[in-house]
Amino acid sequence: MAAAIALTALVALTGCGSDGVLTLGADEATRSPCPSPTTIPVEQLRTSAAPTCVPAGSDLLFPNGTRVTIDDQAGSGGLQSTSDPVRYSWIDVGNFGVVAGQATTSCARHHVWGSIEGVRRVRQAFGPDWPCPARD
């Protein structure tokens, strides 16, 4: 249960859509940390296989070569802005894996990688335009 509470609290900080809270039950956040960090091309996040471990400390590799490090804490999310107009986001969706996103600040171009259920849950929590920046 503590994992579900921690996940809700940490991921809620990164939200910019719908209700802004990603909620997982204790039975949906049961993975242990992976034995060692690695580099994960975001294209590999699109899988129907359940992840076997939390890739805490690993780098997500985006198609343009940008690397973003996943926090060492399971059940978290992050955002990296660069000097160019592109933002890189990721969210650990418990047993549904990591969901990664890349979007221009205008959201003219955006891409999302992750399992079908992981992406569905992220967009349900943060809006159908995630990973686009919030619009007032």
Protein backbone atom coordinates (compact mmCIF):
# COMPACT_ATOMS: atom_id res chain seq x y z
CA MET A 1 0.00 0.00 0.00
CA ALA A 2 2.89 2.39 0.73
CA ALA A 3 4.10 1.94 -2.86
CA ALA A 4 0.72 3.02 -4.21
CA ILE A 5 0.63 6.07 -1.96
CA ALA A 6 4.18 7.07 -2.89
CA LEU A 7 3.43 6.61 -6.57
CA THR A 8 0.34 8.80 -6.36
CA ALA A 9 2.17 11.56 -4.53
CA LEU A 10 5.22 11.62 -6.79
CA VAL A 11 3.47 11.28 -10.12
CA ALA A 12 0.85 13.88 -9.25
CA LEU A 13 3.60 16.49 -9.30
CA THR A 14 4.29 15.89 -13.00
CA GLY A 15 0.69 16.01 -14.22
CA CYS A 16 -0.76 18.68 -16.44
CA GLY A 17 -4.16 17.43 -17.53
CA SER A 18 -7.33 15.71 -16.33
CA ASP A 19 -7.23 15.19 -12.55
CA GLY A 20 -3.41 15.13 -12.41
CA VAL A 21 -3.16 12.04 -10.22
CA LEU A 22 -2.09 8.58 -11.33
CA THR A 23 -3.43 6.03 -8.89
CA LEU A 24 -2.26 2.44 -8.73
CA GLY A 25 -3.35 -0.23 -6.29
CA ALA A 26 -0.77 -2.06 -4.21
CA ASP A 27 -1.20 -5.08 -6.47
CA GLU A 28 -0.29 -2.92 -9.50
CA ALA A 29 3.09 -1.80 -8.13
CA THR A 30 4.80 -5.03 -7.13
CA ARG A 31 7.98 -5.01 -9.23
CA SER A 32 11.40 -4.92 -7.57
CA PRO A 33 14.26 -2.74 -8.82
CA CYS A 34 16.32 -4.12 -11.72
CA PRO A 35 19.72 -5.52 -10.69
CA SER A 36 21.64 -2.74 -12.46
CA PRO A 37 20.92 0.38 -14.54
CA THR A 38 20.97 0.09 -18.31
CA THR A 39 20.12 2.10 -21.42
CA ILE A 40 16.58 1.55 -22.71
CA PRO A 41 15.65 2.79 -26.21
CA VAL A 42 12.14 4.24 -25.81
CA GLU A 43 10.91 2.15 -28.75
CA GLN A 44 11.39 -0.92 -26.52
CA LEU A 45 8.76 0.43 -24.11
CA ARG A 46 6.05 -0.49 -26.64
CA THR A 47 5.52 -4.06 -25.58
CA SER A 48 2.72 -6.28 -24.43
CA ALA A 49 5.04 -8.18 -22.09
CA ALA A 50 4.87 -7.16 -18.44
CA PRO A 51 8.13 -5.66 -17.21
CA THR A 52 10.03 -7.84 -14.77
CA CYS A 53 11.64 -5.05 -12.74
CA VAL A 54 11.70 -1.28 -12.14
CA PRO A 55 14.46 0.29 -14.28
CA ALA A 56 15.40 2.85 -11.60
CA GLY A 57 18.64 4.64 -12.47
CA SER A 58 18.49 3.54 -16.11
CA ASP A 59 18.67 5.94 -19.05
CA LEU A 60 15.85 6.31 -21.55
CA LEU A 61 17.30 6.82 -25.02
CA PHE A 62 15.08 8.90 -27.32
CA PRO A 63 15.30 8.52 -31.14
CA ASN A 64 17.24 11.79 -31.50
CA GLY A 65 19.93 10.60 -29.07
CA THR A 66 18.70 12.49 -26.00
CA ARG A 67 19.14 10.53 -22.76
CA VAL A 68 16.97 11.01 -19.68
CA THR A 69 17.74 9.15 -16.45
CA ILE A 70 14.89 7.45 -14.62
CA ASP A 71 14.90 8.35 -10.91
CA ASP A 72 16.35 5.83 -8.49
CA GLN A 73 13.01 5.74 -6.71
CA ALA A 74 10.36 3.41 -8.09
CA GLY A 75 6.97 4.92 -8.81
CA SER A 76 8.07 8.34 -9.95
CA GLY A 77 8.03 10.54 -13.01
CA GLY A 78 10.07 13.30 -14.51
CA LEU A 79 10.37 16.03 -17.07
CA GLN A 80 13.46 17.34 -18.78
CA SER A 81 13.40 20.56 -20.73
CA THR A 82 16.25 21.39 -23.06
CA SER A 83 17.37 24.55 -24.79
CA ASP A 84 15.49 23.48 -27.89
CA PRO A 85 11.68 23.55 -27.88
CA VAL A 86 11.40 19.85 -26.97
CA ARG A 87 10.38 18.39 -23.59
CA TYR A 88 11.08 14.81 -22.54
CA SER A 89 8.83 13.13 -19.95
CA TRP A 90 8.55 9.75 -18.31
CA ILE A 91 6.34 8.11 -15.73
CA ASP A 92 6.73 4.75 -14.00
CA VAL A 93 3.27 3.15 -14.18
CA GLY A 94 3.97 0.28 -11.80
CA ASN A 95 3.45 -3.16 -13.28
CA PHE A 96 2.48 -1.54 -16.61
CA GLY A 97 6.04 -0.29 -17.13
CA VAL A 98 7.52 3.08 -17.95
CA VAL A 99 5.76 5.47 -20.32
CA ALA A 100 7.94 8.04 -22.09
CA GLY A 101 6.94 11.10 -24.07
CA GLN A 102 8.55 13.71 -26.26
CA ALA A 103 6.75 16.91 -27.28
CA THR A 104 7.51 20.33 -28.67
CA THR A 105 6.36 23.19 -26.47
CA SER A 106 3.67 24.01 -29.05
CA CYS A 107 2.74 20.31 -29.21
CA ALA A 108 2.93 20.45 -32.99
CA ARG A 109 4.91 17.20 -32.75
CA HIS A 110 4.67 14.66 -29.97
CA HIS A 111 5.37 10.97 -29.47
CA VAL A 112 4.54 8.51 -26.70
CA TRP A 113 6.12 5.13 -25.99
CA GLY A 114 4.86 2.54 -23.53
CA SER A 115 2.53 -0.37 -23.07
CA ILE A 116 -1.07 0.16 -24.19
CA GLU A 117 -2.33 0.01 -20.60
CA GLY A 118 0.46 2.23 -19.29
CA VAL A 119 -0.27 4.93 -21.89
CA ARG A 120 -4.01 4.67 -21.23
CA ARG A 121 -3.52 5.20 -17.50
CA VAL A 122 -1.15 8.13 -17.96
CA ARG A 123 -3.52 9.87 -20.35
CA GLN A 124 -6.50 9.14 -18.10
CA ALA A 125 -4.66 10.83 -15.22
CA PHE A 126 -2.93 13.69 -17.05
CA GLY A 127 -5.11 14.25 -20.10
CA PRO A 128 -5.28 12.94 -23.66
CA ASP A 129 -2.57 15.37 -24.83
CA TRP A 130 0.13 14.10 -22.45
CA PRO A 131 3.12 14.72 -22.84
CA CYS A 132 2.20 18.14 -24.21
CA PRO A 133 2.64 21.13 -21.90
CA ALA A 134 -0.45 22.33 -20.08
CA ARG A 135 -2.42 25.02 -21.85
CA ASP A 136 -4.20 27.69 -19.88
